[in-house]
Structure formats: C-alpha cells, structure tokens
C-alpha cells in the first residue's frame, strides 16, 4: 500500500485515476489468475482508502463556492471541472467534465450581495450545460476539486 499522507492532494487524485484504470483493466479480463484477483482486491482497497481520505479533505476544506467561480471566471464561464474522488460529481461524470456554467439573474444578485457582505463560504449548487451534448446538469460546489477555464 502507498502512503498517501506523504503526498499532496493533486498527486493523490492522480494516483486514484491510475488505480481506477488498473481496476477497469482487471475487471475486463474474463478469467483472472490468483495473482490478478489479489491485485484487483488490493487495488479496490487502495481506492477505498483514497475515497475516504478525499471525503475527509472535502469536509475540512471547501475548494470552490459559487461566488468564487463568479469572481474568477465571470457569469457564463466554460469550465473544466475536476471532481474529488468518490464525490457525487465523480460518480456521475468521472474525473472531470467540461461545461458552460449558468447563473440566473437571481443567483447573480445573491452571489454579488454575498461577495459585498463577505458572507461565510458555503457549498451550493451550480447549473451547467455539458459540452458537447449541451445537456443540463447540476452539481454541488463541494464536489469540485479544481477548475480551469475562461470567461
């Protein structure tokens, strides 16, 4: 087992994706050897350890709020949204998704008032259209690990 406590969060999440790939490859094999079954069991155990670790990180540090997204990327940004392993967003979309974030006029007004009043940071739901399908989805900002994009 790898000691994830000695790694930074981004490295742990990269390792999670590697383990997910190993798990997928092993599960696709029709018949597995005893060694492959052991490797699959160890991989699943490591995935669970990382998911638990990620849940603890999510609980102790909210990475993004609706207000911070608005300040950094504007009111209709196209973003690459990377999720915490094990989060609802990760389970639904995988490691990341690209989408156009949409704020209603009411959400914009509320967010700007929260920024002005220096309201306490809290998770909230954002709406976006997934690219390229342009299907509408919602996720919690609590699920977001990293964002990349443009205004």
Foldseek 3Di string as FASTA:
>chain_A
DDDCVVDDPVVLVVVLVVLVVLLVVLVPDPDDDPVSVVVNVVSVVSNVVQLVVLVVVLVVDQDDAPLRCCVPANAWWWKWFAFGRPDPCCVVPNGTFTWTWHDDPVRVVVSVVCVVVVPDGDKDKIWTQTPPVRDIDIDISSGTDDMDTHD
